[in-house]
Amino acid sequence: MKIAGCVTCLMGIDIQPHDIDIMPDSKNIINDIFSDYIVEPVRSSKGRVNEKKP
C-alpha cells in the first residue's frame, strides 16, 4: 500500500518516503486547502490505492 511508506517513517523506521498520499472524502477539500502546493492534479483512484498513473 503506497501510504505505508509515510506511516512507517512516522513510526520511527529509518526510511525516506518520496511523497505523502492523502485519502480525503472529497477532492475539493484538498484543492481548497493545498491549492498553493499541489504538484499534480487531484484525481480519483476509483477505490484502488495502487492505481497506475495514465
N, C-alpha and C. Protein backbone atom coordinates (compact mmCIF):
# COMPACT_ATOMS: atom_id res chain seq x y z
N MET A 1 0.85 -1.18 0.00
CA MET A 1 0.00 0.00 0.00
C MET A 1 0.89 1.24 0.00
N LYS A 2 0.65 2.18 -0.88
CA LYS A 2 1.50 3.36 -1.02
C LYS A 2 1.59 4.20 0.25
N ILE A 3 0.53 4.24 1.00
CA ILE A 3 0.51 5.10 2.17
C ILE A 3 1.44 4.58 3.27
N ALA A 4 1.82 3.32 3.18
CA ALA A 4 2.62 2.69 4.23
C ALA A 4 3.99 3.32 4.40
N GLY A 5 4.61 3.83 3.34
CA GLY A 5 5.94 4.43 3.46
C GLY A 5 5.97 5.59 4.42
N CYS A 6 5.04 6.49 4.31
CA CYS A 6 4.98 7.65 5.19
C CYS A 6 4.63 7.23 6.61
N VAL A 7 3.67 6.32 6.74
CA VAL A 7 3.27 5.84 8.06
C VAL A 7 4.44 5.14 8.74
N THR A 8 5.18 4.33 8.00
CA THR A 8 6.34 3.64 8.55
C THR A 8 7.37 4.63 9.04
N CYS A 9 7.63 5.67 8.28
CA CYS A 9 8.57 6.72 8.68
C CYS A 9 8.10 7.40 9.96
N LEU A 10 6.82 7.71 10.04
CA LEU A 10 6.29 8.37 11.23
C LEU A 10 6.36 7.47 12.47
N MET A 11 6.41 6.16 12.25
CA MET A 11 6.53 5.22 13.36
C MET A 11 7.98 5.07 13.83
N GLY A 12 8.91 5.76 13.16
CA GLY A 12 10.30 5.75 13.60
C GLY A 12 11.23 4.88 12.79
N ILE A 13 10.74 4.20 11.76
CA ILE A 13 11.59 3.39 10.90
C ILE A 13 12.38 4.33 9.99
N ASP A 14 13.68 4.08 9.84
CA ASP A 14 14.56 4.97 9.08
C ASP A 14 14.43 4.74 7.58
N ILE A 15 13.39 5.31 6.97
CA ILE A 15 13.22 5.30 5.52
C ILE A 15 12.92 6.71 5.06
N GLN A 16 13.02 6.96 3.77
CA GLN A 16 12.73 8.28 3.22
C GLN A 16 11.62 8.18 2.17
N PRO A 17 10.37 8.38 2.57
CA PRO A 17 9.29 8.33 1.59
C PRO A 17 9.43 9.48 0.59
N HIS A 18 8.99 9.24 -0.64
CA HIS A 18 9.11 10.26 -1.69
C HIS A 18 7.87 11.13 -1.80
N ASP A 19 6.79 10.74 -1.16
CA ASP A 19 5.57 11.54 -1.20
C ASP A 19 4.68 11.16 -0.02
N ILE A 20 3.62 11.90 0.12
CA ILE A 20 2.63 11.61 1.15
C ILE A 20 1.28 11.49 0.44
N ASP A 21 0.66 10.34 0.55
CA ASP A 21 -0.64 10.13 -0.05
C ASP A 21 -1.73 10.45 0.97
N ILE A 22 -2.67 11.28 0.57
CA ILE A 22 -3.76 11.68 1.44
C ILE A 22 -5.05 11.14 0.86
N MET A 23 -5.89 10.52 1.69
CA MET A 23 -7.14 9.93 1.20
C MET A 23 -8.34 10.63 1.84
N PRO A 24 -8.75 11.78 1.28
CA PRO A 24 -9.89 12.52 1.83
C PRO A 24 -11.22 11.98 1.28
N ASP A 25 -12.30 12.46 1.86
CA ASP A 25 -13.63 12.10 1.38
C ASP A 25 -14.02 12.90 0.13
N SER A 26 -13.42 14.07 -0.06
CA SER A 26 -13.78 14.94 -1.18
C SER A 26 -12.53 15.60 -1.74
N LYS A 27 -12.34 15.53 -3.07
CA LYS A 27 -11.15 16.15 -3.66
C LYS A 27 -11.19 17.67 -3.55
N ASN A 28 -12.38 18.26 -3.41
CA ASN A 28 -12.47 19.71 -3.29
C ASN A 28 -11.82 20.21 -2.01
N ILE A 29 -11.86 19.42 -0.95
CA ILE A 29 -11.21 19.81 0.30
C ILE A 29 -9.72 19.97 0.07
N ILE A 30 -9.11 19.01 -0.60
CA ILE A 30 -7.67 19.07 -0.87
C ILE A 30 -7.35 20.24 -1.79
N ASN A 31 -8.13 20.44 -2.83
CA ASN A 31 -7.90 21.57 -3.73
C ASN A 31 -7.95 22.89 -2.99
N ASP A 32 -8.90 23.04 -2.09
CA ASP A 32 -9.06 24.30 -1.35
C ASP A 32 -7.92 24.53 -0.36
N ILE A 33 -7.57 23.51 0.41
CA ILE A 33 -6.56 23.67 1.46
C ILE A 33 -5.15 23.79 0.89
N PHE A 34 -4.84 22.96 -0.13
CA PHE A 34 -3.47 22.88 -0.62
C PHE A 34 -3.26 23.50 -2.00
N SER A 35 -4.13 24.40 -2.43
CA SER A 35 -4.06 24.93 -3.79
C SER A 35 -2.71 25.54 -4.15
N ASP A 36 -2.01 26.11 -3.19
CA ASP A 36 -0.70 26.72 -3.47
C ASP A 36 0.42 25.69 -3.55
N TYR A 37 0.15 24.45 -3.16
CA TYR A 37 1.21 23.45 -3.04
C TYR A 37 1.02 22.21 -3.91
N ILE A 38 -0.10 22.09 -4.60
CA ILE A 38 -0.39 20.89 -5.38
C ILE A 38 0.56 20.81 -6.57
N VAL A 39 1.25 19.66 -6.68
CA VAL A 39 2.20 19.43 -7.77
C VAL A 39 1.52 18.71 -8.92
N GLU A 40 0.66 17.76 -8.61
CA GLU A 40 -0.10 17.02 -9.61
C GLU A 40 -1.58 17.24 -9.34
N PRO A 41 -2.42 17.24 -10.38
CA PRO A 41 -3.85 17.43 -10.16
C PRO A 41 -4.41 16.33 -9.26
N VAL A 42 -5.38 16.70 -8.43
CA VAL A 42 -6.06 15.72 -7.59
C VAL A 42 -6.89 14.84 -8.51
N ARG A 43 -6.78 13.53 -8.34
CA ARG A 43 -7.54 12.61 -9.18
C ARG A 43 -8.06 11.45 -8.34
N SER A 44 -9.10 10.84 -8.81
CA SER A 44 -9.70 9.71 -8.09
C SER A 44 -8.93 8.43 -8.38
N SER A 45 -8.77 7.61 -7.38
CA SER A 45 -8.16 6.30 -7.59
C SER A 45 -9.25 5.25 -7.83
N LYS A 46 -10.49 5.69 -7.85
CA LYS A 46 -11.65 4.81 -8.07
C LYS A 46 -11.63 3.64 -7.10
N GLY A 47 -11.17 3.91 -5.86
CA GLY A 47 -11.17 2.88 -4.83
C GLY A 47 -9.93 2.02 -4.82
N ARG A 48 -9.07 2.15 -5.83
CA ARG A 48 -7.85 1.34 -5.88
C ARG A 48 -6.67 2.20 -5.48
N VAL A 49 -6.02 1.84 -4.40
CA VAL A 49 -4.92 2.65 -3.88
C VAL A 49 -3.71 2.58 -4.79
N ASN A 50 -3.43 1.45 -5.40
CA ASN A 50 -2.22 1.27 -6.21
C ASN A 50 -2.46 1.45 -7.70
N GLU A 51 -3.39 2.31 -8.08
CA GLU A 51 -3.68 2.54 -9.49
C GLU A 51 -2.47 3.12 -10.20
N LYS A 52 -2.19 2.63 -11.42
CA LYS A 52 -1.10 3.18 -12.21
C LYS A 52 -1.50 4.53 -12.77
N LYS A 53 -0.53 5.45 -12.85
CA LYS A 53 -0.80 6.76 -13.44
C LYS A 53 -0.96 6.60 -14.95
N PRO A 54 -1.84 7.40 -15.55
CA PRO A 54 -2.05 7.31 -17.01
C PRO A 54 -0.82 7.75 -17.78
